[in-house]
N, C-alpha and C. Protein backbone atom coordinates (compact mmCIF):
# COMPACT_ATOMS: atom_id res chain seq x y z
N UNK A 1 0.85 -1.18 0.00
CA UNK A 1 0.00 0.00 0.00
C UNK A 1 0.88 1.23 0.00
N UNK A 2 1.52 1.53 -1.10
CA UNK A 2 2.42 2.67 -1.20
C UNK A 2 1.82 3.80 -2.00
N UNK A 3 1.11 4.66 -1.33
CA UNK A 3 0.51 5.80 -2.03
C UNK A 3 1.50 6.96 -2.01
N UNK A 4 1.62 7.64 -3.11
CA UNK A 4 2.47 8.81 -3.18
C UNK A 4 1.62 10.02 -3.52
N UNK A 5 2.16 11.17 -3.25
CA UNK A 5 1.43 12.40 -3.46
C UNK A 5 2.33 13.39 -4.20
N UNK A 6 1.74 14.18 -5.05
CA UNK A 6 2.50 15.21 -5.74
C UNK A 6 2.10 16.59 -5.26
N UNK A 7 1.28 16.65 -4.23
CA UNK A 7 0.82 17.93 -3.69
C UNK A 7 1.78 18.50 -2.67
N UNK A 8 1.56 19.75 -2.31
CA UNK A 8 2.36 20.43 -1.31
C UNK A 8 1.66 20.35 0.03
N UNK A 9 2.38 19.97 1.05
CA UNK A 9 1.80 19.89 2.39
C UNK A 9 1.93 21.25 3.06
N UNK A 10 0.81 21.88 3.31
CA UNK A 10 0.80 23.20 3.93
C UNK A 10 -0.17 23.17 5.09
N UNK A 11 0.36 23.29 6.29
CA UNK A 11 -0.46 23.29 7.50
C UNK A 11 -1.31 22.03 7.59
N UNK A 12 -0.75 20.90 7.17
CA UNK A 12 -1.45 19.64 7.28
C UNK A 12 -2.47 19.38 6.19
N UNK A 13 -2.54 20.24 5.19
CA UNK A 13 -3.51 20.08 4.11
C UNK A 13 -2.75 20.03 2.79
N UNK A 14 -3.04 19.02 1.99
CA UNK A 14 -2.40 18.95 0.68
C UNK A 14 -3.06 19.92 -0.29
N UNK A 15 -2.24 20.66 -1.00
CA UNK A 15 -2.75 21.61 -1.98
C UNK A 15 -2.39 21.10 -3.38
N UNK A 16 -3.37 20.88 -4.20
CA UNK A 16 -3.15 20.46 -5.58
C UNK A 16 -3.63 21.59 -6.49
N UNK A 17 -2.69 22.32 -7.03
CA UNK A 17 -3.06 23.43 -7.89
C UNK A 17 -2.71 23.08 -9.34
N UNK A 18 -3.68 23.10 -10.20
CA UNK A 18 -3.45 22.80 -11.61
C UNK A 18 -2.99 24.03 -12.37
N UNK A 19 -3.32 25.20 -11.85
CA UNK A 19 -2.96 26.47 -12.49
C UNK A 19 -1.94 27.17 -11.61
N UNK A 20 -0.89 27.68 -12.23
CA UNK A 20 0.15 28.40 -11.50
C UNK A 20 -0.43 29.70 -10.94
N UNK A 21 -0.16 29.96 -9.66
CA UNK A 21 -0.70 31.16 -9.03
C UNK A 21 0.04 32.41 -9.47
N UNK A 22 1.18 32.28 -10.13
CA UNK A 22 1.95 33.45 -10.56
C UNK A 22 1.67 33.82 -12.02
N UNK A 23 1.77 32.85 -12.92
CA UNK A 23 1.62 33.16 -14.35
C UNK A 23 0.26 32.75 -14.91
N UNK A 24 -0.56 32.07 -14.11
CA UNK A 24 -1.92 31.65 -14.48
C UNK A 24 -1.95 30.67 -15.65
N UNK A 25 -0.83 29.98 -15.90
CA UNK A 25 -0.80 28.94 -16.92
C UNK A 25 -0.81 27.58 -16.25
N UNK A 26 -1.16 26.53 -16.97
CA UNK A 26 -1.17 25.19 -16.37
C UNK A 26 0.21 24.81 -15.82
N UNK A 27 0.23 24.19 -14.64
CA UNK A 27 1.48 23.83 -13.99
C UNK A 27 2.17 22.67 -14.70
N UNK A 28 1.43 21.88 -15.46
CA UNK A 28 2.04 20.71 -16.10
C UNK A 28 2.66 21.03 -17.45
N UNK A 29 2.62 22.28 -17.88
CA UNK A 29 3.26 22.66 -19.14
C UNK A 29 4.16 23.86 -18.90
N UNK A 30 5.26 23.89 -19.61
CA UNK A 30 6.16 25.03 -19.52
C UNK A 30 7.10 24.96 -18.33
N UNK A 31 7.92 25.97 -18.25
CA UNK A 31 8.93 26.07 -17.21
C UNK A 31 8.46 27.09 -16.18
N UNK A 32 8.36 26.68 -14.94
CA UNK A 32 7.87 27.56 -13.88
C UNK A 32 8.96 27.92 -12.89
N UNK A 33 10.22 27.95 -13.36
CA UNK A 33 11.34 28.29 -12.49
C UNK A 33 11.21 29.72 -11.99
N UNK A 34 10.87 30.65 -12.86
CA UNK A 34 10.70 32.04 -12.45
C UNK A 34 9.56 32.18 -11.45
N UNK A 35 8.48 31.47 -11.71
CA UNK A 35 7.32 31.50 -10.81
C UNK A 35 7.72 30.98 -9.43
N UNK A 36 8.52 29.93 -9.41
CA UNK A 36 8.96 29.35 -8.16
C UNK A 36 9.82 30.33 -7.37
N UNK A 37 10.71 31.04 -8.05
CA UNK A 37 11.56 32.02 -7.38
C UNK A 37 10.73 33.16 -6.80
N UNK A 38 9.73 33.61 -7.55
CA UNK A 38 8.83 34.67 -7.06
C UNK A 38 8.10 34.18 -5.82
N UNK A 39 7.57 32.96 -5.89
CA UNK A 39 6.84 32.37 -4.77
C UNK A 39 7.73 32.25 -3.53
N UNK A 40 8.99 31.85 -3.72
CA UNK A 40 9.92 31.74 -2.60
C UNK A 40 10.18 33.10 -1.95
N UNK A 41 10.33 34.16 -2.77
CA UNK A 41 10.54 35.50 -2.22
C UNK A 41 9.33 35.97 -1.43
N UNK A 42 8.13 35.68 -1.94
CA UNK A 42 6.90 36.08 -1.25
C UNK A 42 6.82 35.39 0.11
N UNK A 43 7.07 34.08 0.14
CA UNK A 43 6.99 33.33 1.39
C UNK A 43 8.10 33.76 2.37
N UNK A 44 9.29 34.06 1.86
CA UNK A 44 10.39 34.50 2.73
C UNK A 44 10.03 35.85 3.36
N UNK A 45 9.45 36.76 2.58
CA UNK A 45 9.06 38.07 3.12
C UNK A 45 7.97 37.90 4.17
N UNK A 46 7.01 37.01 3.91
CA UNK A 46 5.93 36.76 4.88
C UNK A 46 6.50 36.18 6.17
N UNK A 47 7.41 35.22 6.05
CA UNK A 47 8.01 34.60 7.23
C UNK A 47 8.82 35.63 8.02
N UNK A 48 9.50 36.54 7.32
CA UNK A 48 10.28 37.58 8.00
C UNK A 48 9.35 38.51 8.77
N UNK A 49 8.22 38.88 8.16
CA UNK A 49 7.25 39.75 8.84
C UNK A 49 6.69 39.06 10.08
N UNK A 50 6.37 37.79 9.97
CA UNK A 50 5.84 37.05 11.13
C UNK A 50 6.89 36.96 12.23
N UNK A 51 8.13 36.74 11.85
CA UNK A 51 9.21 36.65 12.83
C UNK A 51 9.39 37.98 13.54
N UNK A 52 9.32 39.09 12.79
CA UNK A 52 9.46 40.41 13.39
C UNK A 52 8.30 40.70 14.34
N UNK A 53 7.10 40.31 13.96
CA UNK A 53 5.92 40.55 14.79
C UNK A 53 6.03 39.75 16.09
N UNK A 54 6.51 38.51 16.01
CA UNK A 54 6.66 37.69 17.22
C UNK A 54 7.71 38.29 18.15
N UNK A 55 8.82 38.78 17.59
CA UNK A 55 9.87 39.34 18.44
C UNK A 55 9.41 40.64 19.08
N UNK A 56 8.56 41.41 18.40
CA UNK A 56 8.03 42.64 18.96
C UNK A 56 7.07 42.32 20.13
N UNK A 57 6.32 41.25 20.01
CA UNK A 57 5.40 40.85 21.07
C UNK A 57 6.15 40.42 22.32
N UNK A 58 7.30 39.79 22.13
CA UNK A 58 8.10 39.33 23.27
C UNK A 58 8.93 40.46 23.85
N UNK A 59 9.09 41.55 23.11
CA UNK A 59 9.90 42.67 23.56
C UNK A 59 11.37 42.53 23.21
N UNK A 60 11.70 41.64 22.27
CA UNK A 60 13.09 41.48 21.83
C UNK A 60 13.51 42.71 21.03
N UNK A 61 14.78 42.99 21.08
CA UNK A 61 15.29 44.14 20.28
C UNK A 61 16.43 43.70 19.42
């Protein structure tokens, strides 16, 4: 019973997106390297903002 998944695990929920959220083209065609880099920058900026907000709540400087 070896099931595999091609989805992304996010907060315990698998996300299966057929359309790229950046270029709005199908994910199974074309090269999405640029889209991936954009997505990584967006998530890194979000994580940095969350980290800053948490440190401000604790009173870290």
